[in-house]
Amino acid sequence: MGIRVFFGSDGFLENPLVREEVRVLRRLLNLKKIEELGFGVDTHNKKPGQSWAMVVRSDEGTATLATILNAAHAAAFYRNSMAELRSLAREYLDSLWVNADEFLGADEEESE
């Protein structure tokens, strides 16, 4: 199996949406049976906690792993956004064959 790395430099300790993105990423990886091997947050920058990295074991191709990361980002950042962005998040999640409602909640039109 291959070793892959996800990372971000988007203010992990400062931005709750970034921490939510990582939480959703972990859920998606778990659903896809991709093992997390390690996680860390930087401590050596002028602004510690800005960057994060996660190491996983997976034979999935780059496109699939990119979709997983994009779905996690979209679910965290677009959950409470306008319909177009929420729809994009739903498309990413649907392409992974996961229940988008678990990550985004039901759309308003569906729940009325």
PDB file of N, CA and C in Angstrom:
ATOM      1  N   MET A   1       0.841  -1.185   0.000  1.00  0.00           N
ATOM      2  CA  MET A   1       0.000   0.000   0.000  1.00  0.00           C
ATOM      3  C   MET A   1       0.878   1.239   0.000  1.00  0.00           C
ATOM      4  N   GLY A   2       0.388   2.288  -0.618  1.00  0.00           N
ATOM      5  CA  GLY A   2       1.129   3.535  -0.704  1.00  0.00           C
ATOM      6  C   GLY A   2       0.913   4.433   0.502  1.00  0.00           C
ATOM      7  N   ILE A   3       1.865   5.287   0.715  1.00  0.00           N
ATOM      8  CA  ILE A   3       1.778   6.296   1.764  1.00  0.00           C
ATOM      9  C   ILE A   3       1.467   7.624   1.089  1.00  0.00           C
ATOM     10  N   ARG A   4       0.473   8.320   1.589  1.00  0.00           N
ATOM     11  CA  ARG A   4       0.040   9.607   1.028  1.00  0.00           C
ATOM     12  C   ARG A   4       0.001  10.638   2.148  1.00  0.00           C
ATOM     13  N   VAL A   5       0.108  11.907   1.771  1.00  0.00           N
ATOM     14  CA  VAL A   5       0.082  12.990   2.758  1.00  0.00           C
ATOM     15  C   VAL A   5      -0.937  14.042   2.333  1.00  0.00           C
ATOM     16  N   PHE A   6      -1.816  14.397   3.256  1.00  0.00           N
ATOM     17  CA  PHE A   6      -2.700  15.547   3.115  1.00  0.00           C
ATOM     18  C   PHE A   6      -2.087  16.658   3.950  1.00  0.00           C
ATOM     19  N   PHE A   7      -2.220  17.900   3.515  1.00  0.00           N
ATOM     20  CA  PHE A   7      -1.714  18.996   4.342  1.00  0.00           C
ATOM     21  C   PHE A   7      -2.454  20.282   4.015  1.00  0.00           C
ATOM     22  N   GLY A   8      -2.357  21.214   4.938  1.00  0.00           N
ATOM     23  CA  GLY A   8      -2.941  22.532   4.730  1.00  0.00           C
ATOM     24  C   GLY A   8      -2.141  23.562   5.497  1.00  0.00           C
ATOM     25  N   SER A   9      -2.146  24.771   4.996  1.00  0.00           N
ATOM     26  CA  SER A   9      -1.490  25.895   5.670  1.00  0.00           C
ATOM     27  C   SER A   9      -2.508  27.015   5.801  1.00  0.00           C
ATOM     28  N   ASP A  10      -3.565  26.712   6.507  1.00  0.00           N
ATOM     29  CA  ASP A  10      -4.723  27.586   6.516  1.00  0.00           C
ATOM     30  C   ASP A  10      -5.195  27.982   7.909  1.00  0.00           C
ATOM     31  N   GLY A  11      -4.303  27.949   8.879  1.00  0.00           N
ATOM     32  CA  GLY A  11      -4.650  28.421  10.214  1.00  0.00           C
ATOM     33  C   GLY A  11      -5.376  27.402  11.064  1.00  0.00           C
ATOM     34  N   PHE A  12      -4.818  26.210  11.166  1.00  0.00           N
ATOM     35  CA  PHE A  12      -5.475  25.118  11.878  1.00  0.00           C
ATOM     36  C   PHE A  12      -5.906  25.515  13.290  1.00  0.00           C
ATOM     37  N   LEU A  13      -5.023  26.089  14.074  1.00  0.00           N
ATOM     38  CA  LEU A  13      -5.376  26.414  15.457  1.00  0.00           C
ATOM     39  C   LEU A  13      -6.271  27.648  15.569  1.00  0.00           C
ATOM     40  N   GLU A  14      -6.205  28.537  14.610  1.00  0.00           N
ATOM     41  CA  GLU A  14      -6.990  29.770  14.668  1.00  0.00           C
ATOM     42  C   GLU A  14      -8.389  29.635  14.082  1.00  0.00           C
ATOM     43  N   ASN A  15      -8.560  28.788  13.095  1.00  0.00           N
ATOM     44  CA  ASN A  15      -9.806  28.748  12.337  1.00  0.00           C
ATOM     45  C   ASN A  15     -10.594  27.475  12.635  1.00  0.00           C
ATOM     46  N   PRO A  16     -11.741  27.599  13.288  1.00  0.00           N
ATOM     47  CA  PRO A  16     -12.543  26.407  13.598  1.00  0.00           C
ATOM     48  C   PRO A  16     -13.024  25.670  12.349  1.00  0.00           C
ATOM     49  N   LEU A  17     -13.180  26.370  11.229  1.00  0.00           N
ATOM     50  CA  LEU A  17     -13.594  25.687  10.000  1.00  0.00           C
ATOM     51  C   LEU A  17     -12.501  24.760   9.481  1.00  0.00           C
ATOM     52  N   VAL A  18     -11.249  25.117   9.677  1.00  0.00           N
ATOM     53  CA  VAL A  18     -10.149  24.241   9.268  1.00  0.00           C
ATOM     54  C   VAL A  18     -10.141  22.986  10.148  1.00  0.00           C
ATOM     55  N   ARG A  19     -10.360  23.160  11.436  1.00  0.00           N
ATOM     56  CA  ARG A  19     -10.424  21.982  12.321  1.00  0.00           C
ATOM     57  C   ARG A  19     -11.616  21.101  11.955  1.00  0.00           C
ATOM     58  N   GLU A  20     -12.730  21.716  11.557  1.00  0.00           N
ATOM     59  CA  GLU A  20     -13.886  20.942  11.102  1.00  0.00           C
ATOM     60  C   GLU A  20     -13.562  20.199   9.810  1.00  0.00           C
ATOM     61  N   GLU A  21     -12.832  20.846   8.913  1.00  0.00           N
ATOM     62  CA  GLU A  21     -12.410  20.194   7.670  1.00  0.00           C
ATOM     63  C   GLU A  21     -11.611  18.921   7.981  1.00  0.00           C
ATOM     64  N   VAL A  22     -10.698  18.992   8.920  1.00  0.00           N
ATOM     65  CA  VAL A  22      -9.888  17.829   9.287  1.00  0.00           C
ATOM     66  C   VAL A  22     -10.765  16.764   9.944  1.00  0.00           C
ATOM     67  N   ARG A  23     -11.732  17.186  10.763  1.00  0.00           N
ATOM     68  CA  ARG A  23     -12.647  16.222  11.391  1.00  0.00           C
ATOM     69  C   ARG A  23     -13.442  15.476  10.315  1.00  0.00           C
ATOM     70  N   VAL A  24     -13.965  16.217   9.334  1.00  0.00           N
ATOM     71  CA  VAL A  24     -14.727  15.596   8.238  1.00  0.00           C
ATOM     72  C   VAL A  24     -13.806  14.718   7.395  1.00  0.00           C
ATOM     73  N   LEU A  25     -12.602  15.171   7.137  1.00  0.00           N
ATOM     74  CA  LEU A  25     -11.630  14.368   6.392  1.00  0.00           C
ATOM     75  C   LEU A  25     -11.427  13.025   7.083  1.00  0.00           C
ATOM     76  N   ARG A  26     -11.275  13.049   8.387  1.00  0.00           N
ATOM     77  CA  ARG A  26     -11.099  11.792   9.132  1.00  0.00           C
ATOM     78  C   ARG A  26     -12.312  10.882   8.981  1.00  0.00           C
ATOM     79  N   ARG A  27     -13.510  11.442   9.042  1.00  0.00           N
ATOM     80  CA  ARG A  27     -14.728  10.637   8.878  1.00  0.00           C
ATOM     81  C   ARG A  27     -14.780  10.008   7.492  1.00  0.00           C
ATOM     82  N   LEU A  28     -14.457  10.804   6.473  1.00  0.00           N
ATOM     83  CA  LEU A  28     -14.484  10.287   5.102  1.00  0.00           C
ATOM     84  C   LEU A  28     -13.433   9.203   4.895  1.00  0.00           C
ATOM     85  N   LEU A  29     -12.249   9.423   5.414  1.00  0.00           N
ATOM     86  CA  LEU A  29     -11.198   8.404   5.297  1.00  0.00           C
ATOM     87  C   LEU A  29     -11.628   7.116   5.986  1.00  0.00           C
ATOM     88  N   ASN A  30     -12.239   7.241   7.131  1.00  0.00           N
ATOM     89  CA  ASN A  30     -12.721   6.068   7.856  1.00  0.00           C
ATOM     90  C   ASN A  30     -13.787   5.328   7.042  1.00  0.00           C
ATOM     91  N   LEU A  31     -14.723   6.066   6.467  1.00  0.00           N
ATOM     92  CA  LEU A  31     -15.762   5.446   5.634  1.00  0.00           C
ATOM     93  C   LEU A  31     -15.172   4.733   4.421  1.00  0.00           C
ATOM     94  N   LYS A  32     -14.088   5.271   3.895  1.00  0.00           N
ATOM     95  CA  LYS A  32     -13.434   4.688   2.724  1.00  0.00           C
ATOM     96  C   LYS A  32     -12.351   3.675   3.104  1.00  0.00           C
ATOM     97  N   LYS A  33     -12.260   3.363   4.385  1.00  0.00           N
ATOM     98  CA  LYS A  33     -11.306   2.354   4.885  1.00  0.00           C
ATOM     99  C   LYS A  33      -9.862   2.727   4.579  1.00  0.00           C
ATOM    100  N   ILE A  34      -9.560   4.016   4.700  1.00  0.00           N
ATOM    101  CA  ILE A  34      -8.196   4.512   4.514  1.00  0.00           C
ATOM    102  C   ILE A  34      -7.625   4.810   5.887  1.00  0.00           C
ATOM    103  N   GLU A  35      -6.496   4.188   6.190  1.00  0.00           N
ATOM    104  CA  GLU A  35      -5.906   4.259   7.521  1.00  0.00           C
ATOM    105  C   GLU A  35      -5.083   5.539   7.720  1.00  0.00           C
ATOM    106  N   GLU A  36      -5.394   6.255   8.791  1.00  0.00           N
ATOM    107  CA  GLU A  36      -4.581   7.412   9.178  1.00  0.00           C
ATOM    108  C   GLU A  36      -3.386   6.903   9.971  1.00  0.00           C
ATOM    109  N   LEU A  37      -2.198   7.267   9.542  1.00  0.00           N
ATOM    110  CA  LEU A  37      -0.975   6.826  10.214  1.00  0.00           C
ATOM    111  C   LEU A  37      -0.427   7.870  11.179  1.00  0.00           C
ATOM    112  N   GLY A  38      -0.716   9.138  10.922  1.00  0.00           N
ATOM    113  CA  GLY A  38      -0.207  10.184  11.792  1.00  0.00           C
ATOM    114  C   GLY A  38      -0.770  11.537  11.433  1.00  0.00           C
ATOM    115  N   PHE A  39      -0.736  12.437  12.401  1.00  0.00           N
ATOM    116  CA  PHE A  39      -1.232  13.798  12.208  1.00  0.00           C
ATOM    117  C   PHE A  39      -0.378  14.736  13.040  1.00  0.00           C
ATOM    118  N   GLY A  40      -0.089  15.899  12.498  1.00  0.00           N
ATOM    119  CA  GLY A  40       0.679  16.874  13.262  1.00  0.00           C
ATOM    120  C   GLY A  40       0.369  18.296  12.842  1.00  0.00           C
ATOM    121  N   VAL A  41       0.632  19.190  13.775  1.00  0.00           N
ATOM    122  CA  VAL A  41       0.467  20.626  13.550  1.00  0.00           C
ATOM    123  C   VAL A  41       1.825  21.269  13.777  1.00  0.00           C
ATOM    124  N   ASP A  42       2.182  22.225  12.914  1.00  0.00           N
ATOM    125  CA  ASP A  42       3.508  22.827  13.013  1.00  0.00           C
ATOM    126  C   ASP A  42       3.694  23.572  14.333  1.00  0.00           C
ATOM    127  N   THR A  43       4.929  23.606  14.785  1.00  0.00           N
ATOM    128  CA  THR A  43       5.270  24.332  16.011  1.00  0.00           C
ATOM    129  C   THR A  43       6.462  25.254  15.809  1.00  0.00           C
ATOM    130  N   HIS A  44       7.013  25.284  14.608  1.00  0.00           N
ATOM    131  CA  HIS A  44       8.273  26.002  14.393  1.00  0.00           C
ATOM    132  C   HIS A  44       8.151  27.275  13.570  1.00  0.00           C
ATOM    133  N   ASN A  45       6.963  27.637  13.149  1.00  0.00           N
ATOM    134  CA  ASN A  45       6.795  28.886  12.403  1.00  0.00           C
ATOM    135  C   ASN A  45       6.719  30.065  13.358  1.00  0.00           C
ATOM    136  N   LYS A  46       6.779  31.264  12.807  1.00  0.00           N
ATOM    137  CA  LYS A  46       6.554  32.460  13.618  1.00  0.00           C
ATOM    138  C   LYS A  46       5.151  32.433  14.213  1.00  0.00           C
ATOM    139  N   LYS A  47       4.247  31.754  13.494  1.00  0.00           N
ATOM    140  CA  LYS A  47       2.857  31.643  13.916  1.00  0.00           C
ATOM    141  C   LYS A  47       2.519  30.152  14.060  1.00  0.00           C
ATOM    142  N   PRO A  48       2.873  29.521  15.186  1.00  0.00           N
ATOM    143  CA  PRO A  48       2.619  28.086  15.349  1.00  0.00           C
ATOM    144  C   PRO A  48       1.142  27.740  15.168  1.00  0.00           C
ATOM    145  N   GLY A  49       0.905  26.553  14.640  1.00  0.00           N
ATOM    146  CA  GLY A  49      -0.453  26.084  14.444  1.00  0.00           C
ATOM    147  C   GLY A  49      -1.065  26.495  13.127  1.00  0.00           C
ATOM    148  N   GLN A  50      -0.290  27.124  12.276  1.00  0.00           N
ATOM    149  CA  GLN A  50      -0.791  27.563  10.973  1.00  0.00           C
ATOM    150  C   GLN A  50      -0.989  26.370  10.039  1.00  0.00           C
ATOM    151  N   SER A  51      -0.068  25.424  10.051  1.00  0.00           N
ATOM    152  CA  SER A  51      -0.086  24.307   9.102  1.00  0.00           C
ATOM    153  C   SER A  51      -0.338  22.983   9.805  1.00  0.00           C
ATOM    154  N   TRP A  52      -0.886  22.047   9.044  1.00  0.00           N
ATOM    155  CA  TRP A  52      -1.142  20.701   9.545  1.00  0.00           C
ATOM    156  C   TRP A  52      -0.801  19.699   8.438  1.00  0.00           C
ATOM    157  N   ALA A  53      -0.547  18.464   8.839  1.00  0.00           N
ATOM    158  CA  ALA A  53      -0.294  17.388   7.887  1.00  0.00           C
ATOM    159  C   ALA A  53      -0.843  16.079   8.450  1.00  0.00           C
ATOM    160  N   MET A  54      -1.355  15.253   7.537  1.00  0.00           N
ATOM    161  CA  MET A  54      -1.880  13.939   7.898  1.00  0.00           C
ATOM    162  C   MET A  54      -1.296  12.916   6.936  1.00  0.00           C
ATOM    163  N   VAL A  55      -0.756  11.847   7.486  1.00  0.00           N
ATOM    164  CA  VAL A  55      -0.186  10.763   6.691  1.00  0.00           C
ATOM    165  C   VAL A  55      -1.176   9.601   6.717  1.00  0.00           C
ATOM    166  N   VAL A  56      -1.461   9.053   5.535  1.00  0.00           N
ATOM    167  CA  VAL A  56      -2.389   7.928   5.425  1.00  0.00           C
ATOM    168  C   VAL A  56      -1.759   6.817   4.596  1.00  0.00           C
ATOM    169  N   ARG A  57      -2.325   5.629   4.756  1.00  0.00           N
ATOM    170  CA  ARG A  57      -1.930   4.492   3.936  1.00  0.00           C
ATOM    171  C   ARG A  57      -3.086   4.202   2.985  1.00  0.00           C
ATOM    172  N   SER A  58      -2.809   4.251   1.677  1.00  0.00           N
ATOM    173  CA  SER A  58      -3.879   4.045   0.707  1.00  0.00           C
ATOM    174  C   SER A  58      -3.309   3.691  -0.658  1.00  0.00           C
ATOM    175  N   ASP A  59      -4.026   2.820  -1.357  1.00  0.00           N
ATOM    176  CA  ASP A  59      -3.716   2.537  -2.749  1.00  0.00           C
ATOM    177  C   ASP A  59      -4.610   3.328  -3.692  1.00  0.00           C
ATOM    178  N   GLU A  60      -5.485   4.160  -3.129  1.00  0.00           N
ATOM    179  CA  GLU A  60      -6.355   4.992  -3.965  1.00  0.00           C
ATOM    180  C   GLU A  60      -5.504   5.934  -4.800  1.00  0.00           C
ATOM    181  N   GLY A  61      -5.981   6.243  -5.966  1.00  0.00           N
ATOM    182  CA  GLY A  61      -5.279   7.169  -6.844  1.00  0.00           C
ATOM    183  C   GLY A  61      -5.395   8.609  -6.361  1.00  0.00           C
ATOM    184  N   THR A  62      -4.575   9.449  -6.940  1.00  0.00           N
ATOM    185  CA  THR A  62      -4.546  10.858  -6.561  1.00  0.00           C
ATOM    186  C   THR A  62      -5.906  11.522  -6.756  1.00  0.00           C
ATOM    187  N   ALA A  63      -6.604  11.200  -7.829  1.00  0.00           N
ATOM    188  CA  ALA A  63      -7.904  11.828  -8.102  1.00  0.00           C
ATOM    189  C   ALA A  63      -8.907  11.517  -6.991  1.00  0.00           C
ATOM    190  N   THR A  64      -8.944  10.280  -6.547  1.00  0.00           N
ATOM    191  CA  THR A  64      -9.872   9.905  -5.475  1.00  0.00           C
ATOM    192  C   THR A  64      -9.512  10.606  -4.174  1.00  0.00           C
ATOM    193  N   LEU A  65      -8.237  10.639  -3.851  1.00  0.00           N
ATOM    194  CA  LEU A  65      -7.811  11.296  -2.615  1.00  0.00           C
ATOM    195  C   LEU A  65      -8.067  12.801  -2.681  1.00  0.00           C
ATOM    196  N   ALA A  66      -7.883  13.399  -3.848  1.00  0.00           N
ATOM    197  CA  ALA A  66      -8.192  14.819  -4.013  1.00  0.00           C
ATOM    198  C   ALA A  66      -9.682  15.070  -3.827  1.00  0.00           C
ATOM    199  N   THR A  67     -10.517  14.173  -4.330  1.00  0.00           N
ATOM    200  CA  THR A  67     -11.963  14.305  -4.153  1.00  0.00           C
ATOM    201  C   THR A  67     -12.338  14.209  -2.680  1.00  0.00           C
ATOM    202  N   ILE A  68     -11.701  13.297  -1.950  1.00  0.00           N
ATOM    203  CA  ILE A  68     -11.960  13.172  -0.514  1.00  0.00           C
ATOM    204  C   ILE A  68     -11.594  14.471   0.206  1.00  0.00           C
ATOM    205  N   LEU A  69     -10.431  15.027  -0.099  1.00  0.00           N
ATOM    206  CA  LEU A  69     -10.014  16.275   0.539  1.00  0.00           C
ATOM    207  C   LEU A  69     -10.935  17.423   0.132  1.00  0.00           C
ATOM    208  N   ASN A  70     -11.282  17.505  -1.142  1.00  0.00           N
ATOM    209  CA  ASN A  70     -12.195  18.560  -1.597  1.00  0.00           C
ATOM    210  C   ASN A  70     -13.570  18.425  -0.948  1.00  0.00           C
ATOM    211  N   ALA A  71     -14.046  17.204  -0.781  1.00  0.00           N
ATOM    212  CA  ALA A  71     -15.341  16.977  -0.130  1.00  0.00           C
ATOM    213  C   ALA A  71     -15.286  17.429   1.333  1.00  0.00           C
ATOM    214  N   ALA A  72     -14.198  17.115   2.016  1.00  0.00           N
ATOM    215  CA  ALA A  72     -14.049  17.538   3.413  1.00  0.00           C
ATOM    216  C   ALA A  72     -14.027  19.057   3.516  1.00  0.00           C
ATOM    217  N   HIS A  73     -13.271  19.688   2.621  1.00  0.00           N
ATOM    218  CA  HIS A  73     -13.196  21.151   2.617  1.00  0.00           C
ATOM    219  C   HIS A  73     -14.574  21.758   2.343  1.00  0.00           C
ATOM    220  N   ALA A  74     -15.235  21.263   1.311  1.00  0.00           N
ATOM    221  CA  ALA A  74     -16.539  21.801   0.933  1.00  0.00           C
ATOM    222  C   ALA A  74     -17.573  21.588   2.037  1.00  0.00           C
ATOM    223  N   ALA A  75     -17.572  20.411   2.668  1.00  0.00           N
ATOM    224  CA  ALA A  75     -18.532  20.142   3.736  1.00  0.00           C
ATOM    225  C   ALA A  75     -18.322  21.091   4.913  1.00  0.00           C
ATOM    226  N   ALA A  76     -17.080  21.359   5.256  1.00  0.00           N
ATOM    227  CA  ALA A  76     -16.791  22.244   6.383  1.00  0.00           C
ATOM    228  C   ALA A  76     -17.056  23.705   6.049  1.00  0.00           C
ATOM    229  N   PHE A  77     -16.594  24.148   4.898  1.00  0.00           N
ATOM    230  CA  PHE A  77     -16.647  25.568   4.567  1.00  0.00           C
ATOM    231  C   PHE A  77     -17.948  25.997   3.889  1.00  0.00           C
ATOM    232  N   TYR A  78     -18.640  25.079   3.201  1.00  0.00           N
ATOM    233  CA  TYR A  78     -19.822  25.464   2.433  1.00  0.00           C
ATOM    234  C   TYR A  78     -21.131  25.007   3.057  1.00  0.00           C
ATOM    235  N   ARG A  79     -21.066  24.304   4.161  1.00  0.00           N
ATOM    236  CA  ARG A  79     -22.267  23.768   4.808  1.00  0.00           C
ATOM    237  C   ARG A  79     -23.330  24.844   5.010  1.00  0.00           C
ATOM    238  N   ASN A  80     -22.919  26.020   5.445  1.00  0.00           N
ATOM    239  CA  ASN A  80     -23.869  27.092   5.747  1.00  0.00           C
ATOM    240  C   ASN A  80     -23.827  28.212   4.713  1.00  0.00           C
ATOM    241  N   SER A  81     -23.407  27.881   3.499  1.00  0.00           N
ATOM    242  CA  SER A  81     -23.270  28.885   2.437  1.00  0.00           C
ATOM    243  C   SER A  81     -24.497  28.915   1.538  1.00  0.00           C
ATOM    244  N   MET A  82     -24.411  29.773   0.531  1.00  0.00           N
ATOM    245  CA  MET A  82     -25.498  29.863  -0.440  1.00  0.00           C
ATOM    246  C   MET A  82     -25.669  28.529  -1.166  1.00  0.00           C
ATOM    247  N   ALA A  83     -26.800  28.367  -1.791  1.00  0.00           N
ATOM    248  CA  ALA A  83     -27.192  27.092  -2.395  1.00  0.00           C
ATOM    249  C   ALA A  83     -26.172  26.553  -3.392  1.00  0.00           C
ATOM    250  N   GLU A  84     -25.551  27.423  -4.190  1.00  0.00           N
ATOM    251  CA  GLU A  84     -24.611  26.951  -5.209  1.00  0.00           C
ATOM    252  C   GLU A  84     -23.399  26.265  -4.583  1.00  0.00           C
ATOM    253  N   LEU A  85     -22.868  26.858  -3.519  1.00  0.00           N
ATOM    254  CA  LEU A  85     -21.700  26.257  -2.860  1.00  0.00           C
ATOM    255  C   LEU A  85     -22.097  25.001  -2.099  1.00  0.00           C
ATOM    256  N   ARG A  86     -23.243  25.029  -1.466  1.00  0.00           N
ATOM    257  CA  ARG A  86     -23.749  23.842  -0.763  1.00  0.00           C
ATOM    258  C   ARG A  86     -23.958  22.696  -1.745  1.00  0.00           C
ATOM    259  N   SER A  87     -24.442  23.032  -2.922  1.00  0.00           N
ATOM    260  CA  SER A  87     -24.649  22.037  -3.977  1.00  0.00           C
ATOM    261  C   SER A  87     -23.314  21.430  -4.415  1.00  0.00           C
ATOM    262  N   LEU A  88     -22.279  22.259  -4.504  1.00  0.00           N
ATOM    263  CA  LEU A  88     -20.946  21.757  -4.855  1.00  0.00           C
ATOM    264  C   LEU A  88     -20.457  20.774  -3.793  1.00  0.00           C
ATOM    265  N   ALA A  89     -20.653  21.109  -2.531  1.00  0.00           N
ATOM    266  CA  ALA A  89     -20.272  20.198  -1.447  1.00  0.00           C
ATOM    267  C   ALA A  89     -21.024  18.877  -1.575  1.00  0.00           C
ATOM    268  N   ARG A  90     -22.311  18.955  -1.880  1.00  0.00           N
ATOM    269  CA  ARG A  90     -23.128  17.741  -2.039  1.00  0.00           C
ATOM    270  C   ARG A  90     -22.612  16.899  -3.212  1.00  0.00           C
ATOM    271  N   GLU A  91     -22.222  17.545  -4.304  1.00  0.00           N
ATOM    272  CA  GLU A  91     -21.690  16.808  -5.462  1.00  0.00           C
ATOM    273  C   GLU A  91     -20.420  16.042  -5.096  1.00  0.00           C
ATOM    274  N   TYR A  92     -19.503  16.696  -4.386  1.00  0.00           N
ATOM    275  CA  TYR A  92     -18.280  16.001  -3.958  1.00  0.00           C
ATOM    276  C   TYR A  92     -18.622  14.798  -3.089  1.00  0.00           C
ATOM    277  N   LEU A  93     -19.496  14.987  -2.125  1.00  0.00           N
ATOM    278  CA  LEU A  93     -19.848  13.893  -1.215  1.00  0.00           C
ATOM    279  C   LEU A  93     -20.579  12.778  -1.962  1.00  0.00           C
ATOM    280  N   ASP A  94     -21.493  13.141  -2.831  1.00  0.00           N
ATOM    281  CA  ASP A  94     -22.210  12.131  -3.612  1.00  0.00           C
ATOM    282  C   ASP A  94     -21.259  11.322  -4.482  1.00  0.00           C
ATOM    283  N   SER A  95     -20.222  11.970  -5.029  1.00  0.00           N
ATOM    284  CA  SER A  95     -19.270  11.255  -5.887  1.00  0.00           C
ATOM    285  C   SER A  95     -18.473  10.209  -5.102  1.00  0.00           C
ATOM    286  N   LEU A  96     -18.436  10.352  -3.785  1.00  0.00           N
ATOM    287  CA  LEU A  96     -17.748   9.371  -2.933  1.00  0.00           C
ATOM    288  C   LEU A  96     -18.705   8.285  -2.439  1.00  0.00           C
ATOM    289  N   TRP A  97     -19.952   8.363  -2.838  1.00  0.00           N
ATOM    290  CA  TRP A  97     -20.966   7.402  -2.432  1.00  0.00           C
ATOM    291  C   TRP A  97     -21.154   7.392  -0.920  1.00  0.00           C
ATOM    292  N   VAL A  98     -21.171   8.581  -0.329  1.00  0.00           N
ATOM    293  CA  VAL A  98     -21.495   8.712   1.089  1.00  0.00           C
ATOM    294  C   VAL A  98     -22.777   9.530   1.198  1.00  0.00           C
ATOM    295  N   ASN A  99     -23.465   9.427   2.305  1.00  0.00           N
ATOM    296  CA  ASN A  99     -24.698  10.164   2.534  1.00  0.00           C
ATOM    297  C   ASN A  99     -24.363  11.621   2.831  1.00  0.00           C
ATOM    298  N   ALA A 100     -24.574  12.483   1.863  1.00  0.00           N
ATOM    299  CA  ALA A 100     -24.230  13.902   2.015  1.00  0.00           C
ATOM    300  C   ALA A 100     -24.986  14.543   3.164  1.00  0.00           C
ATOM    301  N   ASP A 101     -26.211  14.075   3.444  1.00  0.00           N
ATOM    302  CA  ASP A 101     -26.992  14.649   4.536  1.00  0.00           C
ATOM    303  C   ASP A 101     -26.301  14.470   5.887  1.00  0.00           C
ATOM    304  N   GLU A 102     -25.512  13.420   6.036  1.00  0.00           N
ATOM    305  CA  GLU A 102     -24.775  13.213   7.291  1.00  0.00           C
ATOM    306  C   GLU A 102     -23.750  14.315   7.524  1.00  0.00           C
ATOM    307  N   PHE A 103     -23.265  14.909   6.465  1.00  0.00           N
ATOM    308  CA  PHE A 103     -22.227  15.927   6.555  1.00  0.00           C
ATOM    309  C   PHE A 103     -22.792  17.341   6.432  1.00  0.00           C
ATOM    310  N   LEU A 104     -23.891  17.493   5.691  1.00  0.00           N
ATOM    311  CA  LEU A 104     -24.425  18.823   5.407  1.00  0.00           C
ATOM    312  C   LEU A 104     -25.777  19.088   6.049  1.00  0.00           C
ATOM    313  N   GLY A 105     -26.446  18.035   6.502  1.00  0.00           N
ATOM    314  CA  GLY A 105     -27.832  18.177   6.914  1.00  0.00           C
ATOM    315  C   GLY A 105     -28.704  18.160   5.670  1.00  0.00           C
ATOM    316  N   ALA A 106     -30.006  17.997   5.863  1.00  0.00           N
ATOM    317  CA  ALA A 106     -30.928  17.970   4.723  1.00  0.00           C
ATOM    318  C   ALA A 106     -31.076  19.368   4.168  1.00  0.00           C
ATOM    319  N   ASP A 107     -31.227  19.464   2.858  1.00  0.00           N
ATOM    320  CA  ASP A 107     -31.480  20.761   2.216  1.00  0.00           C
ATOM    321  C   ASP A 107     -32.849  21.271   2.673  1.00  0.00           C
ATOM    322  N   GLU A 108     -33.004  22.594   2.720  1.00  0.00           N
ATOM    323  CA  GLU A 108     -34.237  23.194   3.191  1.00  0.00           C
ATOM    324  C   GLU A 108     -35.445  22.737   2.375  1.00  0.00           C
ATOM    325  N   GLU A 109     -35.286  22.644   1.044  1.00  0.00           N
ATOM    326  CA  GLU A 109     -36.405  22.223   0.200  1.00  0.00           C
ATOM    327  C   GLU A 109     -36.843  20.815   0.547  1.00  0.00           C
ATOM    328  N   GLU A 110     -35.870  19.945   0.893  1.00  0.00           N
ATOM    329  CA  GLU A 110     -36.184  18.555   1.205  1.00  0.00           C
ATOM    330  C   GLU A 110     -36.872  18.422   2.547  1.00  0.00           C
ATOM    331  N   SER A 111     -36.553  19.316   3.490  1.00  0.00           N
ATOM    332  CA  SER A 111     -37.070  19.158   4.843  1.00  0.00           C
ATOM    333  C   SER A 111     -38.421  19.838   5.027  1.00  0.00           C
ATOM    334  N   GLU A 112     -38.893  20.606   4.043  1.00  0.00           N
ATOM    335  CA  GLU A 112     -40.184  21.288   4.174  1.00  0.00           C
ATOM    336  C   GLU A 112     -41.315  20.409   3.722  1.00  0.00           C
TER     337      GLU A 112
END
